[in-house]
Amino acid sequence: MVTVGGEIDLYTAPRLRDELITALDEGARRLVIDMSSTEFCDSTGISVLLSAMKRSRDKGGDLELVAPRQAVRKVLEVTGLHEVFVIHPDTDALPVAAGTGTAP
């Protein structure tokens, strides 16, 4: 699970991209992004999330968002991406990791 706080914008999105790429390069397939502390996400941040989702799916995994705040949910809804991303209302709603018996 990756926890993202503050704002995801032109200035911070490259760091998020690097972190997600590193996780995928190190073998992660399922990326779970806790956005409960993310106050804002612009188009650059959305692009990073979409790119990471594609990379994850190319490896047979997925990218899931957890607890996005209202401002982030609104961006996802306006862009129609709430239909593209798997979005969980909170960490309690996360499914158990396949084959491990433990939560991610």
PDB file of N, CA and C in Angstrom:
ATOM      1  N   MET A   1       0.850  -1.174   0.000  1.00  0.00           N
ATOM      2  CA  MET A   1       0.000   0.000   0.000  1.00  0.00           C
ATOM      3  C   MET A   1       0.894   1.234   0.000  1.00  0.00           C
ATOM      4  N   VAL A   2       0.530   2.182  -0.837  1.00  0.00           N
ATOM      5  CA  VAL A   2       1.226   3.456  -0.911  1.00  0.00           C
ATOM      6  C   VAL A   2       0.269   4.517  -0.387  1.00  0.00           C
ATOM      7  N   THR A   3       0.718   5.288   0.591  1.00  0.00           N
ATOM      8  CA  THR A   3      -0.092   6.368   1.132  1.00  0.00           C
ATOM      9  C   THR A   3       0.368   7.677   0.518  1.00  0.00           C
ATOM     10  N   VAL A   4      -0.589   8.412  -0.047  1.00  0.00           N
ATOM     11  CA  VAL A   4      -0.287   9.673  -0.712  1.00  0.00           C
ATOM     12  C   VAL A   4      -1.001  10.786   0.040  1.00  0.00           C
ATOM     13  N   GLY A   5      -0.255  11.798   0.450  1.00  0.00           N
ATOM     14  CA  GLY A   5      -0.851  12.910   1.168  1.00  0.00           C
ATOM     15  C   GLY A   5      -0.605  14.232   0.467  1.00  0.00           C
ATOM     16  N   GLY A   6      -1.337  15.242   0.884  1.00  0.00           N
ATOM     17  CA  GLY A   6      -1.145  16.567   0.312  1.00  0.00           C
ATOM     18  C   GLY A   6      -1.740  16.694  -1.073  1.00  0.00           C
ATOM     19  N   GLU A   7      -0.941  17.241  -1.984  1.00  0.00           N
ATOM     20  CA  GLU A   7      -1.408  17.474  -3.343  1.00  0.00           C
ATOM     21  C   GLU A   7      -0.592  16.664  -4.336  1.00  0.00           C
ATOM     22  N   ILE A   8      -1.282  16.144  -5.334  1.00  0.00           N
ATOM     23  CA  ILE A   8      -0.599  15.501  -6.455  1.00  0.00           C
ATOM     24  C   ILE A   8      -0.775  16.449  -7.634  1.00  0.00           C
ATOM     25  N   ASP A   9       0.326  17.094  -8.003  1.00  0.00           N
ATOM     26  CA  ASP A   9       0.253  18.081  -9.066  1.00  0.00           C
ATOM     27  C   ASP A   9       1.522  18.020  -9.918  1.00  0.00           C
ATOM     28  N   LEU A  10       1.696  19.012 -10.756  1.00  0.00           N
ATOM     29  CA  LEU A  10       2.834  19.073 -11.667  1.00  0.00           C
ATOM     30  C   LEU A  10       4.158  18.905 -10.935  1.00  0.00           C
ATOM     31  N   TYR A  11       4.245  19.402  -9.712  1.00  0.00           N
ATOM     32  CA  TYR A  11       5.490  19.380  -8.966  1.00  0.00           C
ATOM     33  C   TYR A  11       5.718  18.088  -8.191  1.00  0.00           C
ATOM     34  N   THR A  12       4.650  17.467  -7.729  1.00  0.00           N
ATOM     35  CA  THR A  12       4.796  16.267  -6.895  1.00  0.00           C
ATOM     36  C   THR A  12       4.544  14.963  -7.647  1.00  0.00           C
ATOM     37  N   ALA A  13       3.871  15.027  -8.769  1.00  0.00           N
ATOM     38  CA  ALA A  13       3.530  13.817  -9.525  1.00  0.00           C
ATOM     39  C   ALA A  13       4.758  13.012  -9.962  1.00  0.00           C
ATOM     40  N   PRO A  14       5.865  13.653 -10.364  1.00  0.00           N
ATOM     41  CA  PRO A  14       7.039  12.849 -10.755  1.00  0.00           C
ATOM     42  C   PRO A  14       7.554  11.948  -9.630  1.00  0.00           C
ATOM     43  N   ARG A  15       7.497  12.439  -8.396  1.00  0.00           N
ATOM     44  CA  ARG A  15       7.944  11.607  -7.269  1.00  0.00           C
ATOM     45  C   ARG A  15       7.020  10.404  -7.088  1.00  0.00           C
ATOM     46  N   LEU A  16       5.700  10.642  -7.200  1.00  0.00           N
ATOM     47  CA  LEU A  16       4.744   9.538  -7.099  1.00  0.00           C
ATOM     48  C   LEU A  16       4.990   8.529  -8.220  1.00  0.00           C
ATOM     49  N   ARG A  17       5.182   9.039  -9.441  1.00  0.00           N
ATOM     50  CA  ARG A  17       5.461   8.149 -10.581  1.00  0.00           C
ATOM     51  C   ARG A  17       6.674   7.276 -10.297  1.00  0.00           C
ATOM     52  N   ASP A  18       7.757   7.889  -9.810  1.00  0.00           N
ATOM     53  CA  ASP A  18       8.979   7.131  -9.514  1.00  0.00           C
ATOM     54  C   ASP A  18       8.729   6.060  -8.469  1.00  0.00           C
ATOM     55  N   GLU A  19       7.968   6.389  -7.424  1.00  0.00           N
ATOM     56  CA  GLU A  19       7.670   5.416  -6.364  1.00  0.00           C
ATOM     57  C   GLU A  19       6.854   4.235  -6.904  1.00  0.00           C
ATOM     58  N   LEU A  20       5.865   4.536  -7.735  1.00  0.00           N
ATOM     59  CA  LEU A  20       5.015   3.469  -8.274  1.00  0.00           C
ATOM     60  C   LEU A  20       5.786   2.605  -9.258  1.00  0.00           C
ATOM     61  N   ILE A  21       6.614   3.212 -10.092  1.00  0.00           N
ATOM     62  CA  ILE A  21       7.434   2.445 -11.040  1.00  0.00           C
ATOM     63  C   ILE A  21       8.405   1.549 -10.288  1.00  0.00           C
ATOM     64  N   THR A  22       9.017   2.094  -9.239  1.00  0.00           N
ATOM     65  CA  THR A  22       9.936   1.290  -8.430  1.00  0.00           C
ATOM     66  C   THR A  22       9.226   0.084  -7.829  1.00  0.00           C
ATOM     67  N   ALA A  23       8.041   0.304  -7.283  1.00  0.00           N
ATOM     68  CA  ALA A  23       7.278  -0.812  -6.697  1.00  0.00           C
ATOM     69  C   ALA A  23       6.992  -1.879  -7.747  1.00  0.00           C
ATOM     70  N   LEU A  24       6.600  -1.446  -8.938  1.00  0.00           N
ATOM     71  CA  LEU A  24       6.310  -2.404 -10.008  1.00  0.00           C
ATOM     72  C   LEU A  24       7.575  -3.118 -10.470  1.00  0.00           C
ATOM     73  N   ASP A  25       8.668  -2.395 -10.586  1.00  0.00           N
ATOM     74  CA  ASP A  25       9.938  -2.995 -10.999  1.00  0.00           C
ATOM     75  C   ASP A  25      10.456  -3.995  -9.975  1.00  0.00           C
ATOM     76  N   GLU A  26      10.077  -3.798  -8.707  1.00  0.00           N
ATOM     77  CA  GLU A  26      10.503  -4.706  -7.645  1.00  0.00           C
ATOM     78  C   GLU A  26       9.563  -5.883  -7.473  1.00  0.00           C
ATOM     79  N   GLY A  27       8.576  -6.006  -8.370  1.00  0.00           N
ATOM     80  CA  GLY A  27       7.725  -7.183  -8.366  1.00  0.00           C
ATOM     81  C   GLY A  27       6.284  -6.988  -7.940  1.00  0.00           C
ATOM     82  N   ALA A  28       5.933  -5.809  -7.479  1.00  0.00           N
ATOM     83  CA  ALA A  28       4.532  -5.587  -7.108  1.00  0.00           C
ATOM     84  C   ALA A  28       3.667  -5.656  -8.356  1.00  0.00           C
ATOM     85  N   ARG A  29       2.506  -6.227  -8.227  1.00  0.00           N
ATOM     86  CA  ARG A  29       1.540  -6.243  -9.330  1.00  0.00           C
ATOM     87  C   ARG A  29       0.304  -5.455  -8.940  1.00  0.00           C
ATOM     88  N   ARG A  30      -0.108  -5.596  -7.713  1.00  0.00           N
ATOM     89  CA  ARG A  30      -1.297  -4.905  -7.220  1.00  0.00           C
ATOM     90  C   ARG A  30      -0.851  -3.671  -6.444  1.00  0.00           C
ATOM     91  N   LEU A  31      -1.187  -2.512  -6.959  1.00  0.00           N
ATOM     92  CA  LEU A  31      -0.868  -1.267  -6.291  1.00  0.00           C
ATOM     93  C   LEU A  31      -2.122  -0.746  -5.596  1.00  0.00           C
ATOM     94  N   VAL A  32      -2.036  -0.527  -4.309  1.00  0.00           N
ATOM     95  CA  VAL A  32      -3.147   0.010  -3.533  1.00  0.00           C
ATOM     96  C   VAL A  32      -2.712   1.385  -3.040  1.00  0.00           C
ATOM     97  N   ILE A  33      -3.426   2.415  -3.495  1.00  0.00           N
ATOM     98  CA  ILE A  33      -3.065   3.789  -3.195  1.00  0.00           C
ATOM     99  C   ILE A  33      -4.049   4.358  -2.180  1.00  0.00           C
ATOM    100  N   ASP A  34      -3.563   4.615  -0.955  1.00  0.00           N
ATOM    101  CA  ASP A  34      -4.390   5.219   0.084  1.00  0.00           C
ATOM    102  C   ASP A  34      -4.392   6.728  -0.155  1.00  0.00           C
ATOM    103  N   MET A  35      -5.536   7.263  -0.554  1.00  0.00           N
ATOM    104  CA  MET A  35      -5.653   8.686  -0.874  1.00  0.00           C
ATOM    105  C   MET A  35      -6.443   9.452   0.185  1.00  0.00           C
ATOM    106  N   SER A  36      -6.568   8.881   1.364  1.00  0.00           N
ATOM    107  CA  SER A  36      -7.366   9.522   2.410  1.00  0.00           C
ATOM    108  C   SER A  36      -6.768  10.851   2.876  1.00  0.00           C
ATOM    109  N   SER A  37      -5.483  11.068   2.642  1.00  0.00           N
ATOM    110  CA  SER A  37      -4.831  12.322   3.026  1.00  0.00           C
ATOM    111  C   SER A  37      -4.508  13.200   1.824  1.00  0.00           C
ATOM    112  N   THR A  38      -4.981  12.804   0.645  1.00  0.00           N
ATOM    113  CA  THR A  38      -4.717  13.580  -0.563  1.00  0.00           C
ATOM    114  C   THR A  38      -5.798  14.646  -0.710  1.00  0.00           C
ATOM    115  N   GLU A  39      -5.379  15.888  -0.685  1.00  0.00           N
ATOM    116  CA  GLU A  39      -6.318  17.005  -0.733  1.00  0.00           C
ATOM    117  C   GLU A  39      -6.662  17.435  -2.154  1.00  0.00           C
ATOM    118  N   PHE A  40      -5.765  17.161  -3.115  1.00  0.00           N
ATOM    119  CA  PHE A  40      -5.947  17.651  -4.475  1.00  0.00           C
ATOM    120  C   PHE A  40      -5.182  16.760  -5.430  1.00  0.00           C
ATOM    121  N   CYS A  41      -5.724  16.567  -6.623  1.00  0.00           N
ATOM    122  CA  CYS A  41      -5.047  15.803  -7.664  1.00  0.00           C
ATOM    123  C   CYS A  41      -5.383  16.451  -9.002  1.00  0.00           C
ATOM    124  N   ASP A  42      -4.357  16.954  -9.704  1.00  0.00           N
ATOM    125  CA  ASP A  42      -4.613  17.570 -11.002  1.00  0.00           C
ATOM    126  C   ASP A  42      -4.416  16.554 -12.124  1.00  0.00           C
ATOM    127  N   SER A  43      -4.476  17.027 -13.357  1.00  0.00           N
ATOM    128  CA  SER A  43      -4.385  16.128 -14.512  1.00  0.00           C
ATOM    129  C   SER A  43      -3.051  15.400 -14.575  1.00  0.00           C
ATOM    130  N   THR A  44      -1.987  16.024 -14.070  1.00  0.00           N
ATOM    131  CA  THR A  44      -0.683  15.360 -14.048  1.00  0.00           C
ATOM    132  C   THR A  44      -0.723  14.150 -13.118  1.00  0.00           C
ATOM    133  N   GLY A  45      -1.339  14.325 -11.961  1.00  0.00           N
ATOM    134  CA  GLY A  45      -1.477  13.223 -11.020  1.00  0.00           C
ATOM    135  C   GLY A  45      -2.350  12.110 -11.565  1.00  0.00           C
ATOM    136  N   ILE A  46      -3.445  12.494 -12.215  1.00  0.00           N
ATOM    137  CA  ILE A  46      -4.334  11.499 -12.826  1.00  0.00           C
ATOM    138  C   ILE A  46      -3.573  10.704 -13.884  1.00  0.00           C
ATOM    139  N   SER A  47      -2.760  11.396 -14.666  1.00  0.00           N
ATOM    140  CA  SER A  47      -1.963  10.733 -15.698  1.00  0.00           C
ATOM    141  C   SER A  47      -0.998   9.720 -15.091  1.00  0.00           C
ATOM    142  N   VAL A  48      -0.371  10.074 -13.981  1.00  0.00           N
ATOM    143  CA  VAL A  48       0.537   9.154 -13.289  1.00  0.00           C
ATOM    144  C   VAL A  48      -0.222   7.914 -12.821  1.00  0.00           C
ATOM    145  N   LEU A  49      -1.386   8.114 -12.234  1.00  0.00           N
ATOM    146  CA  LEU A  49      -2.183   6.978 -11.756  1.00  0.00           C
ATOM    147  C   LEU A  49      -2.619   6.083 -12.914  1.00  0.00           C
ATOM    148  N   LEU A  50      -3.047   6.681 -14.019  1.00  0.00           N
ATOM    149  CA  LEU A  50      -3.457   5.894 -15.184  1.00  0.00           C
ATOM    150  C   LEU A  50      -2.287   5.099 -15.760  1.00  0.00           C
ATOM    151  N   SER A  51      -1.136   5.736 -15.849  1.00  0.00           N
ATOM    152  CA  SER A  51       0.048   5.062 -16.371  1.00  0.00           C
ATOM    153  C   SER A  51       0.454   3.887 -15.480  1.00  0.00           C
ATOM    154  N   ALA A  52       0.422   4.107 -14.166  1.00  0.00           N
ATOM    155  CA  ALA A  52       0.768   3.027 -13.233  1.00  0.00           C
ATOM    156  C   ALA A  52      -0.251   1.898 -13.302  1.00  0.00           C
ATOM    157  N   MET A  53      -1.525   2.246 -13.490  1.00  0.00           N
ATOM    158  CA  MET A  53      -2.554   1.218 -13.621  1.00  0.00           C
ATOM    159  C   MET A  53      -2.287   0.369 -14.867  1.00  0.00           C
ATOM    160  N   LYS A  54      -1.931   1.011 -15.968  1.00  0.00           N
ATOM    161  CA  LYS A  54      -1.643   0.277 -17.203  1.00  0.00           C
ATOM    162  C   LYS A  54      -0.441  -0.650 -17.007  1.00  0.00           C
ATOM    163  N   ARG A  55       0.625  -0.131 -16.400  1.00  0.00           N
ATOM    164  CA  ARG A  55       1.811  -0.966 -16.151  1.00  0.00           C
ATOM    165  C   ARG A  55       1.463  -2.152 -15.253  1.00  0.00           C
ATOM    166  N   SER A  56       0.661  -1.895 -14.230  1.00  0.00           N
ATOM    167  CA  SER A  56       0.269  -2.953 -13.323  1.00  0.00           C
ATOM    168  C   SER A  56      -0.570  -4.007 -14.037  1.00  0.00           C
ATOM    169  N   ARG A  57      -1.512  -3.561 -14.838  1.00  0.00           N
ATOM    170  CA  ARG A  57      -2.352  -4.503 -15.586  1.00  0.00           C
ATOM    171  C   ARG A  57      -1.544  -5.287 -16.602  1.00  0.00           C
ATOM    172  N   ASP A  58      -0.525  -4.664 -17.192  1.00  0.00           N
ATOM    173  CA  ASP A  58       0.355  -5.371 -18.124  1.00  0.00           C
ATOM    174  C   ASP A  58       1.082  -6.517 -17.434  1.00  0.00           C
ATOM    175  N   LYS A  59       1.246  -6.417 -16.115  1.00  0.00           N
ATOM    176  CA  LYS A  59       1.902  -7.465 -15.328  1.00  0.00           C
ATOM    177  C   LYS A  59       0.893  -8.420 -14.690  1.00  0.00           C
ATOM    178  N   GLY A  60      -0.381  -8.258 -15.061  1.00  0.00           N
ATOM    179  CA  GLY A  60      -1.412  -9.125 -14.518  1.00  0.00           C
ATOM    180  C   GLY A  60      -1.991  -8.649 -13.207  1.00  0.00           C
ATOM    181  N   GLY A  61      -1.717  -7.421 -12.829  1.00  0.00           N
ATOM    182  CA  GLY A  61      -2.221  -6.878 -11.576  1.00  0.00           C
ATOM    183  C   GLY A  61      -3.239  -5.781 -11.808  1.00  0.00           C
ATOM    184  N   ASP A  62      -3.288  -4.841 -10.878  1.00  0.00           N
ATOM    185  CA  ASP A  62      -4.217  -3.723 -10.996  1.00  0.00           C
ATOM    186  C   ASP A  62      -3.766  -2.615 -10.064  1.00  0.00           C
ATOM    187  N   LEU A  63      -4.399  -1.477 -10.169  1.00  0.00           N
ATOM    188  CA  LEU A  63      -4.176  -0.346  -9.285  1.00  0.00           C
ATOM    189  C   LEU A  63      -5.515   0.006  -8.674  1.00  0.00           C
ATOM    190  N   GLU A  64      -5.543   0.125  -7.351  1.00  0.00           N
ATOM    191  CA  GLU A  64      -6.779   0.415  -6.641  1.00  0.00           C
ATOM    192  C   GLU A  64      -6.594   1.663  -5.793  1.00  0.00           C
ATOM    193  N   LEU A  65      -7.614   2.481  -5.744  1.00  0.00           N
ATOM    194  CA  LEU A  65      -7.596   3.691  -4.936  1.00  0.00           C
ATOM    195  C   LEU A  65      -8.435   3.464  -3.682  1.00  0.00           C
ATOM    196  N   VAL A  66      -7.941   3.972  -2.561  1.00  0.00           N
ATOM    197  CA  VAL A  66      -8.643   3.811  -1.290  1.00  0.00           C
ATOM    198  C   VAL A  66      -8.941   5.181  -0.696  1.00  0.00           C
ATOM    199  N   ALA A  67     -10.178   5.384  -0.328  1.00  0.00           N
ATOM    200  CA  ALA A  67     -10.649   6.538   0.433  1.00  0.00           C
ATOM    201  C   ALA A  67     -10.274   7.894  -0.161  1.00  0.00           C
ATOM    202  N   PRO A  68     -10.502   8.092  -1.460  1.00  0.00           N
ATOM    203  CA  PRO A  68     -10.218   9.430  -1.986  1.00  0.00           C
ATOM    204  C   PRO A  68     -11.153  10.460  -1.366  1.00  0.00           C
ATOM    205  N   ARG A  69     -10.611  11.607  -1.031  1.00  0.00           N
ATOM    206  CA  ARG A  69     -11.405  12.701  -0.467  1.00  0.00           C
ATOM    207  C   ARG A  69     -12.341  13.274  -1.528  1.00  0.00           C
ATOM    208  N   GLN A  70     -13.265  14.091  -1.090  1.00  0.00           N
ATOM    209  CA  GLN A  70     -14.291  14.645  -1.970  1.00  0.00           C
ATOM    210  C   GLN A  70     -13.700  15.345  -3.194  1.00  0.00           C
ATOM    211  N   ALA A  71     -12.663  16.165  -3.013  1.00  0.00           N
ATOM    212  CA  ALA A  71     -12.076  16.902  -4.137  1.00  0.00           C
ATOM    213  C   ALA A  71     -11.506  15.952  -5.183  1.00  0.00           C
ATOM    214  N   VAL A  72     -10.876  14.878  -4.729  1.00  0.00           N
ATOM    215  CA  VAL A  72     -10.306  13.899  -5.654  1.00  0.00           C
ATOM    216  C   VAL A  72     -11.429  13.087  -6.306  1.00  0.00           C
ATOM    217  N   ARG A  73     -12.428  12.692  -5.519  1.00  0.00           N
ATOM    218  CA  ARG A  73     -13.565  11.954  -6.082  1.00  0.00           C
ATOM    219  C   ARG A  73     -14.250  12.759  -7.173  1.00  0.00           C
ATOM    220  N   LYS A  74     -14.370  14.068  -6.952  1.00  0.00           N
ATOM    221  CA  LYS A  74     -15.025  14.922  -7.937  1.00  0.00           C
ATOM    222  C   LYS A  74     -14.257  14.919  -9.258  1.00  0.00           C
ATOM    223  N   VAL A  75     -12.942  15.017  -9.198  1.00  0.00           N
ATOM    224  CA  VAL A  75     -12.118  14.956 -10.419  1.00  0.00           C
ATOM    225  C   VAL A  75     -12.325  13.617 -11.119  1.00  0.00           C
ATOM    226  N   LEU A  76     -12.337  12.544 -10.343  1.00  0.00           N
ATOM    227  CA  LEU A  76     -12.530  11.210 -10.931  1.00  0.00           C
ATOM    228  C   LEU A  76     -13.911  11.094 -11.586  1.00  0.00           C
ATOM    229  N   GLU A  77     -14.918  11.655 -10.951  1.00  0.00           N
ATOM    230  CA  GLU A  77     -16.274  11.585 -11.490  1.00  0.00           C
ATOM    231  C   GLU A  77     -16.433  12.454 -12.733  1.00  0.00           C
ATOM    232  N   VAL A  78     -15.903  13.681 -12.704  1.00  0.00           N
ATOM    233  CA  VAL A  78     -16.018  14.595 -13.847  1.00  0.00           C
ATOM    234  C   VAL A  78     -15.325  14.004 -15.083  1.00  0.00           C
ATOM    235  N   THR A  79     -14.209  13.327 -14.867  1.00  0.00           N
ATOM    236  CA  THR A  79     -13.460  12.742 -15.981  1.00  0.00           C
ATOM    237  C   THR A  79     -13.973  11.355 -16.386  1.00  0.00           C
ATOM    238  N   GLY A  80     -14.875  10.801 -15.600  1.00  0.00           N
ATOM    239  CA  GLY A  80     -15.378   9.458 -15.882  1.00  0.00           C
ATOM    240  C   GLY A  80     -14.447   8.356 -15.412  1.00  0.00           C
ATOM    241  N   LEU A  81     -13.374   8.735 -14.741  1.00  0.00           N
ATOM    242  CA  LEU A  81     -12.394   7.740 -14.310  1.00  0.00           C
ATOM    243  C   LEU A  81     -12.831   6.952 -13.083  1.00  0.00           C
ATOM    244  N   HIS A  82     -13.908   7.382 -12.436  1.00  0.00           N
ATOM    245  CA  HIS A  82     -14.447   6.583 -11.329  1.00  0.00           C
ATOM    246  C   HIS A  82     -14.965   5.246 -11.857  1.00  0.00           C
ATOM    247  N   GLU A  83     -15.199   5.166 -13.169  1.00  0.00           N
ATOM    248  CA  GLU A  83     -15.621   3.917 -13.797  1.00  0.00           C
ATOM    249  C   GLU A  83     -14.421   3.069 -14.227  1.00  0.00           C
ATOM    250  N   VAL A  84     -13.230   3.684 -14.266  1.00  0.00           N
ATOM    251  CA  VAL A  84     -12.018   3.003 -14.741  1.00  0.00           C
ATOM    252  C   VAL A  84     -11.229   2.410 -13.574  1.00  0.00           C
ATOM    253  N   PHE A  85     -11.065   3.207 -12.528  1.00  0.00           N
ATOM    254  CA  PHE A  85     -10.311   2.756 -11.364  1.00  0.00           C
ATOM    255  C   PHE A  85     -11.188   1.927 -10.433  1.00  0.00           C
ATOM    256  N   VAL A  86     -10.571   0.968  -9.751  1.00  0.00           N
ATOM    257  CA  VAL A  86     -11.219   0.281  -8.642  1.00  0.00           C
ATOM    258  C   VAL A  86     -11.056   1.219  -7.451  1.00  0.00           C
ATOM    259  N   ILE A  87     -12.181   1.621  -6.850  1.00  0.00           N
ATOM    260  CA  ILE A  87     -12.144   2.572  -5.746  1.00  0.00           C
ATOM    261  C   ILE A  87     -12.834   1.957  -4.525  1.00  0.00           C
ATOM    262  N   HIS A  88     -12.106   1.928  -3.414  1.00  0.00           N
ATOM    263  CA  HIS A  88     -12.650   1.418  -2.158  1.00  0.00           C
ATOM    264  C   HIS A  88     -12.933   2.601  -1.234  1.00  0.00           C
ATOM    265  N   PRO A  89     -14.040   2.579  -0.507  1.00  0.00           N
ATOM    266  CA  PRO A  89     -14.379   3.708   0.361  1.00  0.00           C
ATOM    267  C   PRO A  89     -13.401   3.887   1.531  1.00  0.00           C
ATOM    268  N   ASP A  90     -12.809   2.776   2.009  1.00  0.00           N
ATOM    269  CA  ASP A  90     -11.842   2.848   3.108  1.00  0.00           C
ATOM    270  C   ASP A  90     -11.039   1.556   3.138  1.00  0.00           C
ATOM    271  N   THR A  91     -10.048   1.494   3.994  1.00  0.00           N
ATOM    272  CA  THR A  91      -9.192   0.307   4.039  1.00  0.00           C
ATOM    273  C   THR A  91      -9.943  -0.935   4.509  1.00  0.00           C
ATOM    274  N   ASP A  92     -11.009  -0.755   5.275  1.00  0.00           N
ATOM    275  CA  ASP A  92     -11.793  -1.902   5.717  1.00  0.00           C
ATOM    276  C   ASP A  92     -12.493  -2.598   4.551  1.00  0.00           C
ATOM    277  N   ALA A  93     -12.671  -1.872   3.436  1.00  0.00           N
ATOM    278  CA  ALA A  93     -13.349  -2.426   2.283  1.00  0.00           C
ATOM    279  C   ALA A  93     -12.416  -3.177   1.343  1.00  0.00           C
ATOM    280  N   LEU A  94     -11.116  -3.195   1.659  1.00  0.00           N
ATOM    281  CA  LEU A  94     -10.160  -3.889   0.785  1.00  0.00           C
ATOM    282  C   LEU A  94     -10.356  -5.395   0.879  1.00  0.00           C
ATOM    283  N   PRO A  95     -10.340  -6.061  -0.260  1.00  0.00           N
ATOM    284  CA  PRO A  95     -10.422  -7.524  -0.219  1.00  0.00           C
ATOM    285  C   PRO A  95      -9.116  -8.102   0.313  1.00  0.00           C
ATOM    286  N   VAL A  96      -9.189  -9.298   0.863  1.00  0.00           N
ATOM    287  CA  VAL A  96      -7.996  -9.992   1.326  1.00  0.00           C
ATOM    288  C   VAL A  96      -7.137 -10.306   0.121  1.00  0.00           C
ATOM    289  N   ALA A  97      -5.832 -10.146   0.269  1.00  0.00           N
ATOM    290  CA  ALA A  97      -4.914 -10.432  -0.830  1.00  0.00           C
ATOM    291  C   ALA A  97      -5.035 -11.888  -1.228  1.00  0.00           C
ATOM    292  N   ALA A  98      -5.113 -12.141  -2.510  1.00  0.00           N
ATOM    293  CA  ALA A  98      -5.313 -13.497  -3.033  1.00  0.00           C
ATOM    294  C   ALA A  98      -4.190 -14.418  -2.599  1.00  0.00           C
ATOM    295  N   GLY A  99      -4.559 -15.524  -2.034  1.00  0.00           N
ATOM    296  CA  GLY A  99      -3.612 -16.578  -1.712  1.00  0.00           C
ATOM    297  C   GLY A  99      -2.779 -16.325  -0.451  1.00  0.00           C
ATOM    298  N   THR A 100      -2.922 -15.215   0.217  1.00  0.00           N
ATOM    299  CA  THR A 100      -2.076 -14.963   1.371  1.00  0.00           C
ATOM    300  C   THR A 100      -2.829 -15.057   2.678  1.00  0.00           C
ATOM    301  N   GLY A 101      -4.132 -14.780   2.640  1.00  0.00           N
ATOM    302  CA  GLY A 101      -4.909 -14.822   3.854  1.00  0.00           C
ATOM    303  C   GLY A 101      -4.756 -13.596   4.722  1.00  0.00           C
ATOM    304  N   THR A 102      -3.984 -12.612   4.229  1.00  0.00           N
ATOM    305  CA  THR A 102      -3.811 -11.388   4.984  1.00  0.00           C
ATOM    306  C   THR A 102      -4.168 -10.195   4.112  1.00  0.00           C
ATOM    307  N   ALA A 103      -4.521  -9.101   4.764  1.00  0.00           N
ATOM    308  CA  ALA A 103      -4.839  -7.885   4.012  1.00  0.00           C
ATOM    309  C   ALA A 103      -3.549  -7.312   3.454  1.00  0.00           C
ATOM    310  N   PRO A 104      -3.624  -6.585   2.346  1.00  0.00           N
ATOM    311  CA  PRO A 104      -2.415  -6.039   1.727  1.00  0.00           C
ATOM    312  C   PRO A 104      -1.741  -4.995   2.611  1.00  0.00           C
TER     313      PRO A 104
END
